[in-house]
Amino acid sequence: MHKITKQEKRRLTLFVLTFVFIIAFMCISIFPDWLKIMQNRHELEILEKDYEELLNTEESLKAEVEKLKNPEYVERYAKEKFLYTKPNEIIIRKTDTN
């Protein structure tokens, strides 16, 4: 069996300490980049949700534009929403009395 000398122990200790130092340095230098990547991923998720909501809003607005191209719809909408009437026209609203 081979006995380890003091010089070999020092070399091994120096090698291990150097290896640990290099690993620690790499971890410390990579950590801020890793945090930035995590923040970017979170921001990306939020932006993708916002994008989906905007697409849905766009679709509903396009549908509303198509409806507003119909004069009958515009007339009915104005009467219901803003209580507009034609000259000499009377609107009677029915209310629920439950």
C-alpha atoms as a PDB file:
ATOM      1  CA  MET A   1       0.000   0.000   0.000  1.00  0.00           C
ATOM      2  CA  HIS A   2       1.222   3.464  -0.950  1.00  0.00           C
ATOM      3  CA  LYS A   3       1.526   5.994   1.864  1.00  0.00           C
ATOM      4  CA  ILE A   4       0.571   9.592   1.023  1.00  0.00           C
ATOM      5  CA  THR A   5       3.356  12.050   1.739  1.00  0.00           C
ATOM      6  CA  LYS A   6       2.975  15.573   3.110  1.00  0.00           C
ATOM      7  CA  GLN A   7       3.854  17.033  -0.258  1.00  0.00           C
ATOM      8  CA  GLU A   8       1.104  14.992  -1.968  1.00  0.00           C
ATOM      9  CA  LYS A   9      -1.367  16.053   0.740  1.00  0.00           C
ATOM     10  CA  ARG A  10      -0.505  19.711   0.108  1.00  0.00           C
ATOM     11  CA  ARG A  11      -0.913  19.281  -3.638  1.00  0.00           C
ATOM     12  CA  LEU A  12      -4.253  17.528  -3.164  1.00  0.00           C
ATOM     13  CA  THR A  13      -5.422  20.211  -0.714  1.00  0.00           C
ATOM     14  CA  LEU A  14      -4.305  22.959  -3.076  1.00  0.00           C
ATOM     15  CA  PHE A  15      -6.024  21.215  -5.979  1.00  0.00           C
ATOM     16  CA  VAL A  16      -9.291  20.813  -4.012  1.00  0.00           C
ATOM     17  CA  LEU A  17      -9.219  24.418  -2.781  1.00  0.00           C
ATOM     18  CA  THR A  18      -8.530  25.694  -6.288  1.00  0.00           C
ATOM     19  CA  PHE A  19     -11.335  23.547  -7.671  1.00  0.00           C
ATOM     20  CA  VAL A  20     -13.769  24.774  -4.976  1.00  0.00           C
ATOM     21  CA  PHE A  21     -12.711  28.392  -5.612  1.00  0.00           C
ATOM     22  CA  ILE A  22     -13.288  28.037  -9.351  1.00  0.00           C
ATOM     23  CA  ILE A  23     -16.711  26.443  -8.825  1.00  0.00           C
ATOM     24  CA  ALA A  24     -17.694  29.138  -6.303  1.00  0.00           C
ATOM     25  CA  PHE A  25     -16.509  31.906  -8.644  1.00  0.00           C
ATOM     26  CA  MET A  26     -18.500  30.431 -11.525  1.00  0.00           C
ATOM     27  CA  CYS A  27     -21.650  30.175  -9.384  1.00  0.00           C
ATOM     28  CA  ILE A  28     -21.280  33.751  -8.161  1.00  0.00           C
ATOM     29  CA  SER A  29     -20.706  35.097 -11.661  1.00  0.00           C
ATOM     30  CA  ILE A  30     -23.600  33.105 -13.180  1.00  0.00           C
ATOM     31  CA  PHE A  31     -26.174  33.927 -10.469  1.00  0.00           C
ATOM     32  CA  PRO A  32     -27.093  37.476 -11.692  1.00  0.00           C
ATOM     33  CA  ASP A  33     -27.550  36.185 -15.234  1.00  0.00           C
ATOM     34  CA  TRP A  34     -29.746  33.370 -13.973  1.00  0.00           C
ATOM     35  CA  LEU A  35     -31.882  35.870 -12.039  1.00  0.00           C
ATOM     36  CA  LYS A  36     -32.260  38.018 -15.156  1.00  0.00           C
ATOM     37  CA  ILE A  37     -33.326  34.966 -17.177  1.00  0.00           C
ATOM     38  CA  MET A  38     -35.978  34.099 -14.566  1.00  0.00           C
ATOM     39  CA  GLN A  39     -37.269  37.695 -14.581  1.00  0.00           C
ATOM     40  CA  ASN A  40     -37.417  37.672 -18.384  1.00  0.00           C
ATOM     41  CA  ARG A  41     -39.360  34.411 -18.387  1.00  0.00           C
ATOM     42  CA  HIS A  42     -41.865  35.848 -15.917  1.00  0.00           C
ATOM     43  CA  GLU A  43     -42.206  39.021 -17.993  1.00  0.00           C
ATOM     44  CA  LEU A  44     -42.656  36.911 -21.133  1.00  0.00           C
ATOM     45  CA  GLU A  45     -45.534  35.011 -19.507  1.00  0.00           C
ATOM     46  CA  ILE A  46     -47.224  38.288 -18.577  1.00  0.00           C
ATOM     47  CA  LEU A  47     -46.735  39.715 -22.060  1.00  0.00           C
ATOM     48  CA  GLU A  48     -48.111  36.559 -23.692  1.00  0.00           C
ATOM     49  CA  LYS A  49     -51.252  36.803 -21.523  1.00  0.00           C
ATOM     50  CA  ASP A  50     -51.624  40.466 -22.464  1.00  0.00           C
ATOM     51  CA  TYR A  51     -51.167  39.572 -26.129  1.00  0.00           C
ATOM     52  CA  GLU A  52     -53.918  36.941 -25.942  1.00  0.00           C
ATOM     53  CA  GLU A  53     -56.251  39.442 -24.274  1.00  0.00           C
ATOM     54  CA  LEU A  54     -55.494  41.998 -26.982  1.00  0.00           C
ATOM     55  CA  LEU A  55     -56.220  39.440 -29.696  1.00  0.00           C
ATOM     56  CA  ASN A  56     -59.573  38.678 -28.074  1.00  0.00           C
ATOM     57  CA  THR A  57     -60.332  42.394 -27.800  1.00  0.00           C
ATOM     58  CA  GLU A  58     -59.410  42.871 -31.445  1.00  0.00           C
ATOM     59  CA  GLU A  59     -61.781  40.094 -32.508  1.00  0.00           C
ATOM     60  CA  SER A  60     -64.662  41.555 -30.500  1.00  0.00           C
ATOM     61  CA  LEU A  61     -63.980  45.031 -31.901  1.00  0.00           C
ATOM     62  CA  LYS A  62     -63.913  43.687 -35.455  1.00  0.00           C
ATOM     63  CA  ALA A  63     -67.255  41.998 -34.811  1.00  0.00           C
ATOM     64  CA  GLU A  64     -68.641  45.259 -33.436  1.00  0.00           C
ATOM     65  CA  VAL A  65     -67.412  47.152 -36.525  1.00  0.00           C
ATOM     66  CA  GLU A  66     -69.192  44.666 -38.755  1.00  0.00           C
ATOM     67  CA  LYS A  67     -72.390  45.147 -36.763  1.00  0.00           C
ATOM     68  CA  LEU A  68     -72.063  48.929 -36.989  1.00  0.00           C
ATOM     69  CA  LYS A  69     -71.988  48.697 -40.788  1.00  0.00           C
ATOM     70  CA  ASN A  70     -75.641  47.629 -40.602  1.00  0.00           C
ATOM     71  CA  PRO A  71     -77.884  50.755 -40.375  1.00  0.00           C
ATOM     72  CA  GLU A  72     -80.681  48.842 -38.637  1.00  0.00           C
ATOM     73  CA  TYR A  73     -78.307  47.724 -35.893  1.00  0.00           C
ATOM     74  CA  VAL A  74     -76.992  51.286 -35.447  1.00  0.00           C
ATOM     75  CA  GLU A  75     -80.530  52.617 -35.160  1.00  0.00           C
ATOM     76  CA  ARG A  76     -81.564  49.981 -32.621  1.00  0.00           C
ATOM     77  CA  TYR A  77     -78.319  50.464 -30.648  1.00  0.00           C
ATOM     78  CA  ALA A  78     -78.801  54.252 -30.509  1.00  0.00           C
ATOM     79  CA  LYS A  79     -82.389  53.853 -29.367  1.00  0.00           C
ATOM     80  CA  GLU A  80     -81.534  51.351 -26.634  1.00  0.00           C
ATOM     81  CA  LYS A  81     -78.298  52.855 -25.401  1.00  0.00           C
ATOM     82  CA  PHE A  82     -78.839  56.598 -25.802  1.00  0.00           C
ATOM     83  CA  LEU A  83     -82.665  56.830 -25.957  1.00  0.00           C
ATOM     84  CA  TYR A  84     -82.576  58.490 -29.368  1.00  0.00           C
ATOM     85  CA  THR A  85     -85.830  58.751 -31.243  1.00  0.00           C
ATOM     86  CA  LYS A  86     -86.950  59.781 -34.676  1.00  0.00           C
ATOM     87  CA  PRO A  87     -89.084  62.907 -34.902  1.00  0.00           C
ATOM     88  CA  ASN A  88     -92.606  62.259 -33.552  1.00  0.00           C
ATOM     89  CA  GLU A  89     -91.560  58.809 -32.265  1.00  0.00           C
ATOM     90  CA  ILE A  90     -92.357  57.715 -28.725  1.00  0.00           C
ATOM     91  CA  ILE A  91     -90.436  55.008 -26.914  1.00  0.00           C
ATOM     92  CA  ILE A  92     -92.184  53.066 -24.205  1.00  0.00           C
ATOM     93  CA  ARG A  93     -89.907  51.125 -21.902  1.00  0.00           C
ATOM     94  CA  LYS A  94     -91.161  48.066 -20.147  1.00  0.00           C
ATOM     95  CA  THR A  95     -89.855  47.586 -16.610  1.00  0.00           C
ATOM     96  CA  ASP A  96     -89.896  44.427 -14.554  1.00  0.00           C
ATOM     97  CA  THR A  97     -91.854  44.726 -11.310  1.00  0.00           C
ATOM     98  CA  ASN A  98     -91.066  41.529  -9.462  1.00  0.00           C
END
